[in-house]
Amino acid sequence: MSTTPAGWEVVIGLETHTQLSTASKIFSGSATTFGAAPNTQANVVDLALPGTLPVMNRGAVEKAIMFGLAVNGTIAPHSVFARKNYFYPDLPKGYQISQFELPVVVGGKVGIVLDGVEKTVQLTRAHLEEDAGKSLHEGLDTMGVSGIDLNRAGTPLLEIVTEPDMRSAAEAVAYAKALHGLVTWLGICDGNMQEGSFRCDANVSIRKPGAPLGTRCEIKNVNSFRFLERAIEYEIRRQIELIEDGGRVVQETRLYDADRDETRSMRSKEDAMDYRYFPDPDLLPLVIDAAWIERVKSAMPELFEPMRERFMSQYGLSMYDAGLLTSSRSTARYYEDVVILGADASLAAKWITGTLFARLSLDGLNIDRCPVNSGIFASLLKRISDNTINSTGAKQVFENLWNAPQNQDGMRSLQSVDNSIAKHGLEQVSDTGAIEKIVDDVLAANQKSVDEFKAGKEKAFQSLVGQVMKASNGKANPAQVNEILKKKLSG
């Protein structure tokens, strides 16, 4: 992690465009599905044909309310849509419908943790607006033309604006990740950065400590956390070098070039007056009463911070494990389903954060696509708890289940746990006499390890345990193996 050169302070604010996960656009009934053929999801409203009028999407408003409640912001009882005037080929109307003076959410805060230190980033506002279309150049540049795809025009966005509270690229990334986690947890945005559902604009300036704010440059549309950090780091170096060489920073919009790892000038940065905002005459003010807010609040999911605290108190988990298990709603739901179905809470946490996470990572899957559902996983863990199988056998059963053929529902059947145990002969040996026989044979064949243990070498004991487990083909009850070994060695 790079640091700012001595004598300089970095000031960063982020504007994040989160695409709201509604089925239709913010002011029309067109679909918002990603990847459709160009211009197949743009109707007469999106195309701005004469005589068409926008109609507000109620679902988009409710997602904005949900976000405001989650960040402890103020939900405006009266907000206004405005026309933001600028001219680009992918903006059919010649203006964007957005909110300016009266946004739907005012204030709020997002907590971040960086290197074990907690910090709060204050939010200025969150406002609703429509997205623009997209200019297409690939495959057309040889013809000397660009194409326009208006599928994205009118897609609902919630633009979330921070105060200039961040003082390093690392802090900016920590905030972006925290915000990404929150909007995906709430289900108001799918968070897919590759598809443009979560895009960050970084406003970066530098100053001498205690001096007034410097001239800011905006780095536009960064769609990965790694690129966000690198873009800000580059911009910090560029501005410091520029000033130290006797130049001055010009307010402008810049783009980050990942191939060259640099930002470059895109256009001069407009101020609010340049957009000539005025209330949109085609849209009534947005009125949100207390009853509407309460209905949205009652439908909200439990947030991850209170859920993490609950997991710690209710299930006796460490803060670390509770944090891992509440890293996403899907993970938290999977864990709690496993426990509700009868698995030991501590054992479930250990197996999910260990064996399951490792297997998901290996196959590049998220938990929503896990081939072993929570019911099967709970059944497996219960077989460990009732001593039907030990942890070694359980891992083999888990792999068998992971790779087993699917049923009509695309999942494994619950009976497959017991079937796998029986089929592969993995039932744990808990017969004391049988284990004693194996232990006696191992001790007789490993006199050197016995002598080393009696001489005080604890590692020799673990070696003997391993030999017993190997001789039992991994089936012996580990607790009984340890107990019998200690008894015979002490004798």
Protein backbone atom coordinates (compact mmCIF):
# COMPACT_ATOMS: atom_id res chain seq x y z
CA MET A 1 0.00 0.00 0.00
CA SER A 2 1.55 3.29 -1.07
CA THR A 3 1.57 6.37 1.13
CA THR A 4 1.17 10.06 0.40
CA PRO A 5 4.45 11.99 0.25
CA ALA A 6 5.26 13.98 3.39
CA GLY A 7 3.85 17.47 3.47
CA TRP A 8 0.73 16.64 1.47
CA GLU A 9 -2.80 15.61 2.38
CA VAL A 10 -5.14 13.79 0.02
CA VAL A 11 -8.86 14.57 -0.02
CA ILE A 12 -11.19 12.07 -1.71
CA GLY A 13 -14.93 11.92 -2.19
CA LEU A 14 -16.80 9.22 -4.12
CA GLU A 15 -19.93 9.32 -6.24
CA THR A 16 -21.25 5.82 -6.81
CA HIS A 17 -23.84 4.90 -9.41
CA THR A 18 -25.72 1.84 -8.23
CA GLN A 19 -28.08 0.30 -10.76
CA LEU A 20 -31.27 -0.59 -8.94
CA SER A 21 -32.44 -4.16 -9.41
CA THR A 22 -35.88 -3.43 -10.83
CA ALA A 23 -37.40 -5.44 -13.67
CA SER A 24 -38.23 -2.29 -15.65
CA LYS A 25 -36.72 1.14 -16.16
CA ILE A 26 -37.22 4.12 -13.91
CA PHE A 27 -39.69 5.99 -16.15
CA SER A 28 -40.82 3.35 -18.66
CA GLY A 29 -41.86 -0.30 -18.85
CA SER A 30 -38.81 -1.42 -20.84
CA ALA A 31 -36.83 -4.35 -19.43
CA THR A 32 -33.44 -3.86 -17.76
CA THR A 33 -31.96 -7.28 -18.54
CA PHE A 34 -28.25 -7.12 -19.27
CA GLY A 35 -26.85 -8.44 -22.54
CA ALA A 36 -29.83 -8.04 -24.85
CA ALA A 37 -29.23 -7.22 -28.50
CA PRO A 38 -28.68 -3.47 -29.04
CA ASN A 39 -31.80 -1.31 -28.98
CA THR A 40 -34.20 -4.18 -28.27
CA GLN A 41 -35.05 -2.87 -24.79
CA ALA A 42 -35.84 0.75 -25.58
CA ASN A 43 -39.43 1.90 -26.06
CA VAL A 44 -40.90 5.21 -27.17
CA VAL A 45 -40.28 6.82 -23.77
CA ASP A 46 -36.61 5.77 -23.74
CA LEU A 47 -36.22 7.02 -27.33
CA ALA A 48 -37.77 10.39 -26.31
CA LEU A 49 -40.30 10.36 -29.11
CA PRO A 50 -42.58 13.44 -29.16
CA GLY A 51 -45.64 13.22 -26.95
CA THR A 52 -44.29 10.55 -24.60
CA LEU A 53 -44.36 11.08 -20.84
CA PRO A 54 -42.33 9.47 -18.05
CA VAL A 55 -44.05 7.45 -15.30
CA MET A 56 -42.21 6.89 -12.01
CA ASN A 57 -41.21 3.31 -11.07
CA ARG A 58 -42.47 2.70 -7.53
CA GLY A 59 -39.98 -0.12 -6.96
CA ALA A 60 -37.04 2.21 -7.60
CA VAL A 61 -38.35 4.63 -4.98
CA GLU A 62 -38.74 1.85 -2.42
CA LYS A 63 -35.17 0.70 -2.98
CA ALA A 64 -33.98 4.26 -2.41
CA ILE A 65 -36.01 4.41 0.81
CA MET A 66 -34.49 1.11 1.93
CA PHE A 67 -30.98 2.45 1.34
CA GLY A 68 -31.73 5.65 3.25
CA LEU A 69 -32.98 3.68 6.24
CA ALA A 70 -29.94 1.37 6.18
CA VAL A 71 -27.46 4.29 6.32
CA ASN A 72 -29.52 6.28 8.87
CA GLY A 73 -30.15 9.04 6.36
CA THR A 74 -33.18 11.29 6.18
CA ILE A 75 -35.88 10.24 3.74
CA ALA A 76 -37.17 13.43 2.13
CA PRO A 77 -40.96 13.68 2.41
CA HIS A 78 -40.90 15.83 -0.73
CA SER A 79 -38.26 15.49 -3.47
CA VAL A 80 -38.17 16.83 -7.00
CA PHE A 81 -36.90 15.52 -10.32
CA ALA A 82 -34.96 17.93 -12.48
CA ARG A 83 -33.64 18.05 -16.00
CA LYS A 84 -29.84 17.96 -16.19
CA ASN A 85 -29.01 19.35 -19.61
CA TYR A 86 -26.06 18.12 -21.61
CA PHE A 87 -25.61 16.78 -25.12
CA TYR A 88 -24.20 13.38 -26.01
CA PRO A 89 -25.33 10.97 -28.72
CA ASP A 90 -26.36 8.32 -26.16
CA LEU A 91 -28.70 10.74 -24.32
CA PRO A 92 -31.83 10.71 -26.49
CA LYS A 93 -33.68 13.59 -24.83
CA GLY A 94 -30.70 15.94 -24.68
CA TYR A 95 -31.12 15.96 -20.90
CA GLN A 96 -31.02 13.46 -18.05
CA ILE A 97 -33.82 13.21 -15.50
CA SER A 98 -32.12 13.39 -12.11
CA GLN A 99 -32.56 15.05 -8.72
CA PHE A 100 -30.64 18.16 -7.73
CA GLU A 101 -31.76 20.51 -4.98
CA LEU A 102 -34.18 18.10 -3.31
CA PRO A 103 -32.85 14.49 -3.36
CA VAL A 104 -34.74 11.50 -1.99
CA VAL A 105 -32.13 10.74 0.71
CA VAL A 106 -30.15 13.35 2.64
CA GLY A 107 -27.18 12.51 4.86
CA GLY A 108 -26.35 9.10 6.28
CA LYS A 109 -23.11 7.30 7.01
CA VAL A 110 -21.16 4.17 6.12
CA GLY A 111 -18.66 2.60 8.51
CA ILE A 112 -15.36 1.19 7.25
CA VAL A 113 -12.53 -0.73 8.88
CA LEU A 114 -8.97 -0.38 7.58
CA ASP A 115 -6.01 -2.05 9.27
CA GLY A 116 -8.15 -2.63 12.34
CA VAL A 117 -9.11 1.06 12.62
CA GLU A 118 -12.77 2.03 12.34
CA LYS A 119 -13.84 5.17 10.51
CA THR A 120 -17.15 6.67 9.46
CA VAL A 121 -17.66 8.13 6.00
CA GLN A 122 -20.44 10.69 5.94
CA LEU A 123 -22.85 10.73 3.02
CA THR A 124 -24.04 13.96 1.46
CA ARG A 125 -27.01 12.55 -0.39
CA ALA A 126 -28.43 9.75 -2.50
CA HIS A 127 -30.60 10.68 -5.43
CA LEU A 128 -32.56 8.86 -8.10
CA GLU A 129 -31.82 9.33 -11.78
CA GLU A 130 -31.90 7.60 -15.13
CA ASP A 131 -28.86 6.13 -16.86
CA ALA A 132 -27.77 7.13 -20.34
CA GLY A 133 -27.32 4.81 -23.30
CA LYS A 134 -24.00 3.48 -24.52
CA SER A 135 -21.78 4.38 -27.45
CA LEU A 136 -20.36 1.36 -29.29
CA HIS A 137 -17.03 1.56 -31.08
CA GLU A 138 -15.75 -2.02 -31.25
CA GLY A 139 -16.23 -3.56 -34.67
CA LEU A 140 -17.41 -0.26 -36.13
CA ASP A 141 -14.22 1.83 -35.92
CA THR A 142 -12.97 0.56 -39.29
CA MET A 143 -16.05 2.14 -40.85
CA GLY A 144 -15.33 5.47 -39.20
CA VAL A 145 -18.61 5.42 -37.25
CA SER A 146 -19.86 4.64 -33.76
CA GLY A 147 -23.05 2.86 -32.82
CA ILE A 148 -25.57 3.84 -30.16
CA ASP A 149 -27.24 1.24 -27.93
CA LEU A 150 -30.14 2.69 -25.95
CA ASN A 151 -30.94 -0.46 -23.96
CA ARG A 152 -29.40 1.13 -20.88
CA ALA A 153 -31.08 4.52 -21.39
CA GLY A 154 -33.57 4.96 -18.55
CA THR A 155 -32.15 2.25 -16.32
CA PRO A 156 -32.78 3.30 -12.69
CA LEU A 157 -29.76 4.54 -10.76
CA LEU A 158 -29.27 5.61 -7.18
CA GLU A 159 -26.28 7.95 -7.10
CA ILE A 160 -24.67 7.92 -3.65
CA VAL A 161 -22.43 10.89 -2.87
CA THR A 162 -20.00 11.11 0.05
CA GLU A 163 -18.48 14.03 1.83
CA PRO A 164 -14.74 14.48 1.07
CA ASP A 165 -13.90 12.32 4.09
CA MET A 166 -11.35 9.85 2.71
CA ARG A 167 -7.63 10.50 2.97
CA SER A 168 -6.10 7.66 0.96
CA ALA A 169 -6.83 5.36 -1.94
CA ALA A 170 -7.04 2.48 0.53
CA GLU A 171 -9.77 4.27 2.49
CA ALA A 172 -11.68 4.94 -0.72
CA VAL A 173 -11.54 1.26 -1.66
CA ALA A 174 -12.60 0.22 1.85
CA TYR A 175 -15.61 2.53 1.58
CA ALA A 176 -16.48 1.28 -1.93
CA LYS A 177 -16.35 -2.32 -0.72
CA ALA A 178 -18.47 -1.54 2.33
CA LEU A 179 -21.05 0.24 0.17
CA HIS A 180 -21.02 -2.61 -2.36
CA GLY A 181 -21.62 -5.08 0.46
CA LEU A 182 -24.51 -3.01 1.79
CA VAL A 183 -26.43 -2.54 -1.48
CA THR A 184 -26.05 -6.20 -2.42
CA TRP A 185 -27.06 -7.28 1.10
CA LEU A 186 -30.19 -5.14 0.85
CA GLY A 187 -30.89 -6.63 -2.58
CA ILE A 188 -31.33 -3.20 -4.19
CA CYS A 189 -28.40 -3.76 -6.60
CA ASP A 190 -26.79 -6.93 -7.95
CA GLY A 191 -23.35 -5.30 -7.57
CA ASN A 192 -22.03 -6.70 -10.85
CA MET A 193 -19.17 -4.32 -11.60
CA GLN A 194 -18.26 -6.00 -14.91
CA GLU A 195 -21.76 -5.24 -16.21
CA GLY A 196 -21.69 -1.67 -14.91
CA SER A 197 -24.19 -2.15 -12.09
CA PHE A 198 -21.83 -0.52 -9.57
CA ARG A 199 -19.59 2.28 -10.89
CA CYS A 200 -17.51 4.78 -8.96
CA ASP A 201 -16.47 8.33 -9.79
CA ALA A 202 -13.58 9.48 -7.58
CA ASN A 203 -13.06 13.17 -6.85
CA VAL A 204 -9.41 13.63 -5.89
CA SER A 205 -7.55 16.71 -4.71
CA ILE A 206 -4.44 17.44 -2.70
CA ARG A 207 -3.49 20.18 -0.30
CA LYS A 208 -1.01 21.11 2.36
CA PRO A 209 -2.30 19.97 5.78
CA GLY A 210 -4.71 22.58 7.16
CA ALA A 211 -4.97 24.46 3.86
CA PRO A 212 -8.28 25.01 2.00
CA LEU A 213 -9.46 22.26 -0.32
CA GLY A 214 -7.47 22.00 -3.54
CA THR A 215 -8.78 21.83 -7.10
CA ARG A 216 -10.39 18.46 -7.67
CA CYS A 217 -10.31 16.17 -10.63
CA GLU A 218 -12.98 13.57 -11.19
CA ILE A 219 -11.97 10.07 -12.33
CA LYS A 220 -15.02 8.77 -14.15
CA ASN A 221 -16.70 5.35 -14.23
CA VAL A 222 -14.20 3.05 -12.48
CA ASN A 223 -15.69 -0.44 -12.31
CA SER A 224 -13.26 -2.47 -10.18
CA PHE A 225 -11.85 -2.01 -6.70
CA ARG A 226 -8.31 -2.66 -7.91
CA PHE A 227 -8.59 -0.09 -10.68
CA LEU A 228 -10.14 2.41 -8.25
CA GLU A 229 -7.12 2.19 -5.96
CA ARG A 230 -4.62 2.38 -8.80
CA ALA A 231 -6.41 5.27 -10.50
CA ILE A 232 -6.48 7.32 -7.29
CA GLU A 233 -2.84 6.55 -6.53
CA TYR A 234 -1.82 7.68 -10.00
CA GLU A 235 -3.89 10.84 -9.75
CA ILE A 236 -2.34 11.71 -6.38
CA ARG A 237 1.15 11.38 -7.82
CA ARG A 238 0.20 13.35 -10.94
CA GLN A 239 -1.22 16.28 -8.99
CA ILE A 240 1.69 16.46 -6.53
CA GLU A 241 4.28 16.31 -9.30
CA LEU A 242 2.37 18.94 -11.27
CA ILE A 243 2.30 21.41 -8.39
CA GLU A 244 5.86 20.74 -7.27
CA ASP A 245 7.00 21.44 -10.84
CA GLY A 246 5.34 24.87 -10.71
CA GLY A 247 2.10 23.94 -12.52
CA ARG A 248 -1.48 23.99 -11.30
CA VAL A 249 -4.27 21.44 -11.23
CA VAL A 250 -7.14 22.13 -13.62
CA GLN A 251 -10.64 21.01 -12.69
CA GLU A 252 -11.51 18.31 -15.21
CA THR A 253 -12.98 14.88 -15.76
CA ARG A 254 -10.43 12.15 -16.37
CA LEU A 255 -10.57 8.50 -17.43
CA TYR A 256 -8.45 5.68 -16.05
CA ASP A 257 -6.55 3.64 -18.65
CA ALA A 258 -5.92 0.24 -17.05
CA ASP A 259 -3.51 -0.85 -19.78
CA ARG A 260 -1.24 2.13 -19.19
CA ASP A 261 -2.10 2.44 -15.48
CA GLU A 262 -2.73 6.17 -15.81
CA THR A 263 -5.49 8.72 -15.86
CA ARG A 264 -5.93 10.96 -18.85
CA SER A 265 -7.99 14.06 -19.55
CA MET A 266 -11.48 13.48 -20.92
CA ARG A 267 -13.11 16.91 -20.74
CA SER A 268 -13.23 20.04 -18.61
CA LYS A 269 -15.25 19.44 -15.46
CA GLU A 270 -18.67 21.05 -15.45
CA ASP A 271 -20.19 22.74 -12.42
CA ALA A 272 -23.88 22.52 -11.51
CA MET A 273 -24.61 25.81 -13.29
CA ASP A 274 -23.33 24.34 -16.56
CA TYR A 275 -26.10 21.73 -16.53
CA ARG A 276 -28.88 24.36 -16.26
CA TYR A 277 -30.96 22.30 -13.83
CA PHE A 278 -34.66 23.05 -13.63
CA PRO A 279 -37.64 21.02 -12.31
CA ASP A 280 -38.95 18.53 -14.86
CA PRO A 281 -42.43 19.74 -15.86
CA ASP A 282 -43.49 16.21 -16.84
CA LEU A 283 -43.02 14.75 -13.36
CA LEU A 284 -44.87 15.59 -10.17
CA PRO A 285 -42.86 15.98 -6.95
CA LEU A 286 -42.11 12.65 -5.25
CA VAL A 287 -44.07 12.51 -1.98
CA ILE A 288 -43.08 9.86 0.58
CA ASP A 289 -45.19 9.67 3.73
CA ALA A 290 -44.39 8.00 7.05
CA ALA A 291 -46.67 5.04 6.33
CA TRP A 292 -44.78 4.23 3.12
CA ILE A 293 -41.47 4.40 4.95
CA GLU A 294 -42.78 2.04 7.64
CA ARG A 295 -43.95 -0.47 5.04
CA VAL A 296 -40.52 -0.50 3.44
CA LYS A 297 -38.83 -0.74 6.83
CA SER A 298 -40.94 -3.75 7.84
CA ALA A 299 -39.89 -5.58 4.66
CA MET A 300 -36.16 -4.90 5.05
CA PRO A 301 -33.77 -7.78 5.81
CA GLU A 302 -31.82 -7.86 9.04
CA LEU A 303 -28.63 -5.88 8.41
CA PHE A 304 -25.24 -7.57 8.68
CA GLU A 305 -23.95 -5.65 11.71
CA PRO A 306 -26.84 -6.59 14.03
CA MET A 307 -26.86 -10.08 12.50
CA ARG A 308 -23.15 -10.47 13.25
CA GLU A 309 -23.77 -9.46 16.86
CA ARG A 310 -26.69 -11.87 17.06
CA PHE A 311 -24.63 -14.75 15.68
CA MET A 312 -22.02 -14.07 18.36
CA SER A 313 -24.52 -14.01 21.22
CA GLN A 314 -26.99 -16.64 19.97
CA TYR A 315 -24.55 -19.17 18.56
CA GLY A 316 -21.43 -18.42 20.59
CA LEU A 317 -19.32 -17.57 17.54
CA SER A 318 -16.15 -15.50 17.53
CA MET A 319 -16.29 -12.06 15.92
CA TYR A 320 -14.09 -13.38 13.10
CA ASP A 321 -16.35 -16.34 12.28
CA ALA A 322 -19.51 -14.26 12.64
CA GLY A 323 -18.00 -11.71 10.27
CA LEU A 324 -17.23 -14.37 7.65
CA LEU A 325 -20.68 -15.89 7.91
CA THR A 326 -22.38 -12.50 7.47
CA SER A 327 -20.20 -11.49 4.53
CA SER A 328 -23.28 -11.95 2.34
CA ARG A 329 -26.95 -12.58 2.95
CA SER A 330 -26.74 -15.87 1.06
CA THR A 331 -23.93 -17.13 3.31
CA ALA A 332 -25.74 -16.04 6.46
CA ARG A 333 -28.95 -17.69 5.29
CA TYR A 334 -27.12 -20.92 4.43
CA TYR A 335 -25.44 -21.04 7.85
CA GLU A 336 -28.62 -20.33 9.78
CA ASP A 337 -30.59 -22.89 7.76
CA VAL A 338 -27.96 -25.52 8.59
CA VAL A 339 -28.23 -24.74 12.30
CA ILE A 340 -32.04 -24.63 12.26
CA LEU A 341 -32.00 -28.08 10.65
CA GLY A 342 -30.19 -29.48 13.67
CA ALA A 343 -26.45 -29.10 13.09
CA ASP A 344 -24.21 -27.93 15.92
CA ALA A 345 -23.69 -24.14 15.53
CA SER A 346 -19.96 -24.21 16.25
CA LEU A 347 -19.31 -27.22 14.02
CA ALA A 348 -21.36 -25.65 11.21
CA ALA A 349 -19.33 -22.43 11.42
CA LYS A 350 -16.08 -24.38 11.28
CA TRP A 351 -17.10 -26.47 8.28
CA ILE A 352 -18.71 -23.64 6.29
CA THR A 353 -15.82 -21.19 6.73
CA GLY A 354 -13.29 -23.97 6.15
CA THR A 355 -14.22 -26.92 3.95
CA LEU A 356 -17.20 -25.35 2.14
CA PHE A 357 -15.58 -21.97 1.44
CA ALA A 358 -12.43 -23.69 0.16
CA ARG A 359 -14.42 -25.89 -2.23
CA LEU A 360 -16.51 -22.99 -3.50
CA SER A 361 -13.35 -20.99 -4.14
CA LEU A 362 -11.69 -23.91 -5.93
CA ASP A 363 -14.64 -24.24 -8.32
CA GLY A 364 -15.19 -20.48 -8.69
CA LEU A 365 -18.71 -20.64 -7.28
CA ASN A 366 -20.64 -18.46 -4.88
CA ILE A 367 -22.80 -20.03 -2.22
CA ASP A 368 -25.99 -19.47 -4.23
CA ARG A 369 -24.69 -22.06 -6.70
CA CYS A 370 -23.42 -24.51 -4.08
CA PRO A 371 -24.29 -28.06 -5.24
CA VAL A 372 -24.67 -29.25 -1.63
CA ASN A 373 -27.72 -27.55 -0.15
CA SER A 374 -28.16 -26.61 3.49
CA GLY A 375 -30.31 -29.66 4.27
CA ILE A 376 -27.69 -32.11 3.01
CA PHE A 377 -24.91 -30.20 4.73
CA ALA A 378 -26.82 -30.28 8.02
CA SER A 379 -27.35 -34.01 7.64
CA LEU A 380 -23.62 -34.50 7.10
CA LEU A 381 -22.69 -32.49 10.20
CA LYS A 382 -25.21 -34.39 12.32
CA ARG A 383 -23.48 -37.63 11.33
CA ILE A 384 -20.25 -36.18 12.71
CA SER A 385 -21.94 -35.12 15.95
CA ASP A 386 -23.57 -38.52 16.54
CA ASN A 387 -20.22 -40.26 15.87
CA THR A 388 -21.45 -42.09 12.78
CA ILE A 389 -18.41 -40.77 10.93
CA ASN A 390 -15.29 -38.87 11.91
CA SER A 391 -14.05 -35.68 10.26
CA THR A 392 -11.83 -37.58 7.81
CA GLY A 393 -14.72 -39.71 6.63
CA ALA A 394 -16.98 -36.65 6.56
CA LYS A 395 -14.64 -34.88 4.14
CA GLN A 396 -14.79 -37.86 1.83
CA VAL A 397 -18.59 -37.91 2.05
CA PHE A 398 -18.62 -34.17 1.32
CA GLU A 399 -16.56 -34.70 -1.83
CA ASN A 400 -18.82 -37.56 -2.88
CA LEU A 401 -21.87 -35.35 -2.42
CA TRP A 402 -20.25 -32.43 -4.23
CA ASN A 403 -19.60 -34.58 -7.30
CA ALA A 404 -22.76 -36.71 -7.12
CA PRO A 405 -25.38 -36.67 -9.92
CA GLN A 406 -28.13 -34.14 -9.40
CA ASN A 407 -31.81 -34.87 -9.02
CA GLN A 408 -34.58 -33.08 -10.94
CA ASP A 409 -34.26 -30.02 -8.69
CA GLY A 410 -30.58 -29.69 -9.53
CA MET A 411 -29.53 -30.73 -6.02
CA ARG A 412 -28.47 -33.89 -4.20
CA SER A 413 -31.03 -35.91 -2.26
CA LEU A 414 -30.97 -35.85 1.54
CA GLN A 415 -30.60 -39.63 1.69
CA SER A 416 -27.30 -39.37 -0.18
CA VAL A 417 -25.38 -38.66 3.05
CA ASP A 418 -26.21 -42.03 4.57
CA ASN A 419 -26.00 -43.71 1.18
CA SER A 420 -22.48 -42.38 0.68
CA ILE A 421 -21.38 -43.50 4.14
CA ALA A 422 -22.69 -47.01 3.55
CA LYS A 423 -21.51 -47.30 -0.04
CA HIS A 424 -17.91 -46.34 0.75
CA GLY A 425 -17.74 -48.08 4.13
CA LEU A 426 -16.99 -44.87 6.02
CA GLU A 427 -18.92 -45.57 9.21
CA GLN A 428 -16.75 -44.75 12.18
CA VAL A 429 -15.32 -47.57 14.28
CA SER A 430 -16.25 -46.89 17.90
CA ASP A 431 -15.90 -50.43 19.23
CA THR A 432 -13.42 -50.16 22.09
CA GLY A 433 -12.14 -53.71 21.66
CA ALA A 434 -11.48 -53.25 17.95
CA ILE A 435 -9.64 -49.98 18.53
CA GLU A 436 -7.55 -51.49 21.37
CA LYS A 437 -6.46 -54.29 19.04
CA ILE A 438 -5.30 -51.75 16.42
CA VAL A 439 -3.53 -49.67 19.09
CA ASP A 440 -1.71 -52.74 20.45
CA ASP A 441 -0.52 -53.63 16.95
CA VAL A 442 0.69 -50.06 16.28
CA LEU A 443 2.54 -49.83 19.61
CA ALA A 444 4.25 -53.15 18.97
CA ALA A 445 5.37 -52.02 15.51
CA ASN A 446 6.54 -48.55 16.57
CA GLN A 447 8.74 -49.04 19.65
CA LYS A 448 10.93 -46.09 18.69
CA SER A 449 7.97 -43.69 18.83
CA VAL A 450 6.90 -45.21 22.16
CA ASP A 451 10.35 -44.61 23.61
CA GLU A 452 10.43 -41.04 22.26
CA PHE A 453 7.05 -40.29 23.85
CA LYS A 454 8.23 -41.64 27.20
CA ALA A 455 11.29 -39.44 26.84
CA GLY A 456 9.00 -36.38 26.67
CA LYS A 457 8.61 -35.87 22.91
CA GLU A 458 4.95 -34.94 22.40
CA LYS A 459 5.23 -35.18 18.61
CA ALA A 460 5.74 -38.91 19.00
CA PHE A 461 2.21 -39.20 20.39
CA GLN A 462 0.70 -37.55 17.33
CA SER A 463 2.75 -39.87 15.13
CA LEU A 464 1.25 -42.86 16.92
CA VAL A 465 -2.26 -41.43 16.56
CA GLY A 466 -1.62 -41.10 12.83
CA GLN A 467 -0.45 -44.69 12.59
CA VAL A 468 -3.60 -45.93 14.36
CA MET A 469 -5.85 -43.91 12.06
CA LYS A 470 -3.97 -45.20 9.04
CA ALA A 471 -4.30 -48.78 10.23
CA SER A 472 -8.05 -48.29 10.67
CA ASN A 473 -8.37 -46.78 7.19
CA GLY A 474 -9.37 -43.52 8.83
CA LYS A 475 -12.44 -45.04 10.45
CA ALA A 476 -11.43 -45.15 14.12
CA ASN A 477 -13.08 -42.70 16.49
CA PRO A 478 -10.29 -40.12 17.08
CA ALA A 479 -11.37 -39.33 20.63
CA GLN A 480 -11.30 -43.01 21.59
CA VAL A 481 -7.95 -43.48 19.84
CA ASN A 482 -6.44 -40.66 21.90
CA GLU A 483 -7.92 -41.95 25.14
CA ILE A 484 -6.82 -45.57 24.63
CA LEU A 485 -3.34 -44.57 23.48
CA LYS A 486 -2.79 -42.35 26.52
CA LYS A 487 -4.00 -45.09 28.84
CA LYS A 488 -1.71 -47.74 27.35
CA LEU A 489 1.33 -45.45 27.14
CA SER A 490 0.90 -44.31 30.72
CA GLY A 491 0.60 -47.95 31.80
